[in-house]
Amino acid sequence: MRLKGLYAVTPDLADTTVLLRRAEFALLGGVCLVQYRNKPAGAALRREQAAALLALCRRHGVPLVINDDLPLALALGADGAHLGREDGDLAAARAVLGPGRILGVSCYDEPERAREARRIGADYVAFGSFFASPTKPAAVRAPLTLLRDARAELKLPACAIGGITLENASALIANGADLLAIISDLFEAPDIRARAAAFTRLFSERVTS
């Protein structure tokens, strides 16, 4: 599958109906990948929401990965998992996911972690935060050069995350971001579908410019 474009990361919502409605607007706007993320939710709610979101993504033909919960991704038959520093052994995760599902790895501002992710067979590496993030205000900042260097060295899709808005996204794409992982500026937009479409256009504009 082609990992390039808008990567929608779900907000922390307890209301599953609201979550699905907002996610569908984003899907209609052209996202290429969805990540289910809900840090405050308990296990039962996460399973309910992830299962419903997976069914929605399947209807739209867009892969769903699960944040920080490999067992849930496996139990539901999701399209993959996204794992951070505290989420277990990456090589073991690659082995149980198999070659047909996505493994994304948070690399923060650490090129060496990205090299390790490539070695074990990750499908993309994520760097950030590139800008001040309302979701993770204390997150370490990553320089733009990480994207360009990683893409050239690793030959893997590079994902940018953290404080991304429609106004600053072009700089990330220009520096080599294949994926833009966005929560707030997408799901808090007055028109989620239109905002998703606007982000998606940035990638096509980059190709044709």
Protein backbone atom coordinates (compact mmCIF):
# COMPACT_ATOMS: atom_id res chain seq x y z
CA MET A 1 0.00 0.00 0.00
CA ARG A 2 1.09 3.57 -0.63
CA LEU A 3 1.78 5.44 2.60
CA LYS A 4 1.63 9.03 1.46
CA GLY A 5 -0.81 11.74 2.42
CA LEU A 6 -2.95 12.74 5.36
CA TYR A 7 -2.78 10.44 8.38
CA ALA A 8 -5.79 11.01 10.65
CA VAL A 9 -5.16 10.30 14.34
CA THR A 10 -8.38 10.14 16.33
CA PRO A 11 -9.02 12.51 19.25
CA ASP A 12 -9.84 11.39 22.80
CA LEU A 13 -13.63 11.07 22.59
CA ALA A 14 -15.78 8.99 24.93
CA ASP A 15 -18.81 9.18 22.61
CA THR A 16 -18.35 6.50 19.94
CA THR A 17 -21.10 7.95 17.73
CA VAL A 18 -19.37 11.33 17.63
CA LEU A 19 -16.01 9.69 16.98
CA LEU A 20 -17.35 7.73 14.01
CA ARG A 21 -19.13 10.74 12.55
CA ARG A 22 -15.99 12.85 12.68
CA ALA A 23 -13.86 10.02 11.34
CA GLU A 24 -16.17 9.53 8.40
CA PHE A 25 -15.92 13.21 7.48
CA ALA A 26 -12.13 12.84 7.50
CA LEU A 27 -12.32 9.71 5.35
CA LEU A 28 -14.54 11.48 2.87
CA GLY A 29 -11.95 14.24 2.69
CA GLY A 30 -9.29 11.84 1.45
CA VAL A 31 -7.14 10.55 4.33
CA CYS A 32 -4.82 7.69 3.37
CA LEU A 33 -4.41 6.15 6.84
CA VAL A 34 -6.26 6.30 10.18
CA GLN A 35 -4.86 5.68 13.64
CA TYR A 36 -7.15 4.88 16.55
CA ARG A 37 -5.83 6.61 19.66
CA ASN A 38 -7.73 7.23 22.90
CA LYS A 39 -5.40 7.44 25.87
CA PRO A 40 -7.97 8.04 28.66
CA ALA A 41 -10.37 5.28 27.57
CA GLY A 42 -10.64 2.00 29.41
CA ALA A 43 -10.09 -1.34 27.70
CA ALA A 44 -13.77 -2.00 26.96
CA LEU A 45 -14.34 1.39 25.35
CA ARG A 46 -11.13 1.13 23.32
CA ARG A 47 -12.21 -2.24 21.96
CA GLU A 48 -15.72 -0.97 21.14
CA GLN A 49 -14.44 2.14 19.39
CA ALA A 50 -11.61 0.42 17.54
CA ALA A 51 -13.92 -2.30 16.23
CA ALA A 52 -16.47 0.22 15.00
CA LEU A 53 -13.77 2.39 13.46
CA LEU A 54 -12.24 -0.60 11.71
CA ALA A 55 -15.57 -1.43 10.09
CA LEU A 56 -15.92 2.20 8.97
CA CYS A 57 -12.40 2.29 7.52
CA ARG A 58 -12.98 -0.97 5.68
CA ARG A 59 -16.06 0.51 4.02
CA HIS A 60 -13.91 3.39 2.79
CA GLY A 61 -10.95 1.21 1.78
CA VAL A 62 -8.54 2.96 4.17
CA PRO A 63 -6.22 1.08 6.57
CA LEU A 64 -6.63 1.42 10.34
CA VAL A 65 -3.73 1.07 12.75
CA ILE A 66 -4.03 0.92 16.53
CA ASN A 67 -1.90 3.18 18.72
CA ASP A 68 0.17 1.63 21.51
CA ASP A 69 -1.88 -1.58 21.76
CA LEU A 70 -0.55 -4.47 19.73
CA PRO A 71 -2.79 -7.07 21.42
CA LEU A 72 -5.90 -5.06 20.49
CA ALA A 73 -4.71 -4.68 16.90
CA LEU A 74 -4.20 -8.43 16.65
CA ALA A 75 -7.49 -9.30 18.36
CA LEU A 76 -9.52 -7.14 16.00
CA GLY A 77 -7.60 -7.97 12.85
CA ALA A 78 -6.73 -4.32 12.33
CA ASP A 79 -4.40 -3.31 9.51
CA GLY A 80 -1.50 -2.64 11.84
CA ALA A 81 -0.14 -0.97 14.95
CA HIS A 82 1.78 2.15 15.82
CA LEU A 83 4.23 1.69 18.69
CA GLY A 84 6.19 4.10 20.88
CA ARG A 85 9.20 3.70 23.11
CA GLU A 86 7.30 1.99 25.93
CA ASP A 87 5.16 -0.32 23.80
CA GLY A 88 7.24 -3.46 23.63
CA ASP A 89 9.86 -5.09 21.44
CA LEU A 90 9.70 -3.91 17.85
CA ALA A 91 11.11 -7.09 16.31
CA ALA A 92 8.56 -9.20 18.18
CA ALA A 93 5.78 -6.88 17.01
CA ARG A 94 6.95 -7.21 13.40
CA ALA A 95 6.97 -10.98 13.73
CA VAL A 96 3.43 -11.30 15.07
CA LEU A 97 1.97 -8.73 12.68
CA GLY A 98 3.48 -10.56 9.73
CA PRO A 99 4.43 -9.01 6.39
CA GLY A 100 0.92 -7.99 5.38
CA ARG A 101 0.14 -5.50 8.14
CA ILE A 102 1.52 -2.07 8.94
CA LEU A 103 4.03 -1.36 11.68
CA GLY A 104 4.67 2.29 12.43
CA VAL A 105 7.25 3.42 14.97
CA SER A 106 7.54 6.66 16.94
CA CYS A 107 11.13 7.89 16.65
CA TYR A 108 10.75 11.31 18.31
CA ASP A 109 13.99 13.17 17.47
CA GLU A 110 16.14 10.00 17.38
CA PRO A 111 17.72 8.92 14.07
CA GLU A 112 19.17 5.81 15.71
CA ARG A 113 15.70 4.59 16.71
CA ALA A 114 14.59 5.12 13.12
CA ARG A 115 17.50 3.01 11.89
CA GLU A 116 16.50 0.25 14.29
CA ALA A 117 12.89 0.50 13.09
CA ARG A 118 14.06 0.06 9.52
CA ARG A 119 16.24 -2.89 10.49
CA ILE A 120 13.33 -4.81 11.99
CA GLY A 121 11.05 -4.05 9.06
CA ALA A 122 8.89 -1.07 10.06
CA ASP A 123 6.65 0.32 7.33
CA TYR A 124 7.08 3.96 8.34
CA VAL A 125 8.93 6.02 10.93
CA ALA A 126 7.36 8.98 12.74
CA PHE A 127 9.25 12.04 13.98
CA GLY A 128 8.07 14.92 16.12
CA SER A 129 6.88 17.07 17.66
CA PHE A 130 7.79 19.59 14.97
CA PHE A 131 5.64 22.36 16.42
CA ALA A 132 3.97 23.08 19.75
CA SER A 133 1.34 20.39 20.21
CA PRO A 134 -1.91 20.79 22.16
CA THR A 135 -2.06 17.00 22.53
CA LYS A 136 1.49 16.65 23.90
CA PRO A 137 2.63 20.07 25.14
CA ALA A 138 5.79 18.67 26.76
CA ALA A 139 6.89 16.64 23.71
CA VAL A 140 10.49 16.97 22.54
CA ARG A 141 10.92 19.11 19.42
CA ALA A 142 12.35 17.56 16.27
CA PRO A 143 14.23 19.52 13.58
CA LEU A 144 12.94 19.57 10.01
CA THR A 145 16.22 18.13 8.79
CA LEU A 146 15.28 14.79 10.38
CA LEU A 147 12.64 14.23 7.72
CA ARG A 148 14.92 14.91 4.79
CA ASP A 149 17.82 12.89 6.21
CA ALA A 150 15.66 9.93 7.21
CA ARG A 151 13.96 9.72 3.86
CA ALA A 152 17.29 9.79 2.02
CA GLU A 153 19.03 7.28 4.29
CA LEU A 154 16.30 4.87 5.27
CA LYS A 155 14.19 4.73 2.11
CA LEU A 156 11.09 4.48 4.30
CA PRO A 157 8.03 6.72 4.43
CA ALA A 158 8.67 9.49 6.96
CA CYS A 159 5.76 10.68 9.08
CA ALA A 160 5.63 14.10 10.74
CA ILE A 161 3.59 14.65 13.89
CA GLY A 162 3.04 17.36 16.46
CA GLY A 163 1.30 20.70 16.18
CA ILE A 164 0.72 20.45 12.43
CA THR A 165 -1.74 22.89 10.90
CA LEU A 166 -2.78 23.76 7.38
CA GLU A 167 -0.53 26.81 7.67
CA ASN A 168 2.70 24.99 8.55
CA ALA A 169 2.17 21.66 6.77
CA SER A 170 3.76 22.69 3.46
CA ALA A 171 7.18 23.12 5.09
CA LEU A 172 7.04 19.54 6.35
CA ILE A 173 6.12 18.15 2.93
CA ALA A 174 8.86 20.24 1.31
CA ASN A 175 11.38 18.71 3.71
CA GLY A 176 10.37 15.14 2.91
CA ALA A 177 7.32 14.22 4.98
CA ASP A 178 5.37 11.45 3.28
CA LEU A 179 2.69 11.39 5.98
CA LEU A 180 1.23 14.16 8.12
CA ALA A 181 -0.26 12.76 11.34
CA ILE A 182 -2.85 15.23 12.60
CA ILE A 183 -5.35 15.32 15.43
CA SER A 184 -6.45 18.79 16.51
CA ASP A 185 -6.25 20.80 13.30
CA LEU A 186 -8.26 18.14 11.53
CA PHE A 187 -10.84 16.96 14.05
CA GLU A 188 -11.47 20.37 15.62
CA ALA A 189 -12.00 22.07 12.26
CA PRO A 190 -15.48 23.52 11.64
CA ASP A 191 -15.65 21.43 8.44
CA ILE A 192 -13.59 18.25 8.90
CA ARG A 193 -14.15 16.98 5.37
CA ALA A 194 -13.03 20.25 3.81
CA ARG A 195 -9.99 20.46 6.09
CA ALA A 196 -8.97 16.90 5.18
CA ALA A 197 -9.34 17.70 1.49
CA ALA A 198 -7.20 20.82 1.92
CA PHE A 199 -4.41 18.82 3.57
CA THR A 200 -4.65 16.19 0.84
CA ARG A 201 -4.30 18.83 -1.87
CA LEU A 202 -0.97 19.93 -0.39
CA PHE A 203 0.53 16.60 -1.42
CA SER A 204 -0.75 16.78 -5.00
CA GLU A 205 0.44 20.38 -5.26
CA ARG A 206 3.91 19.27 -4.16
CA VAL A 207 3.98 16.59 -6.86
CA THR A 208 2.94 18.96 -9.64
CA SER A 209 5.01 22.00 -8.57
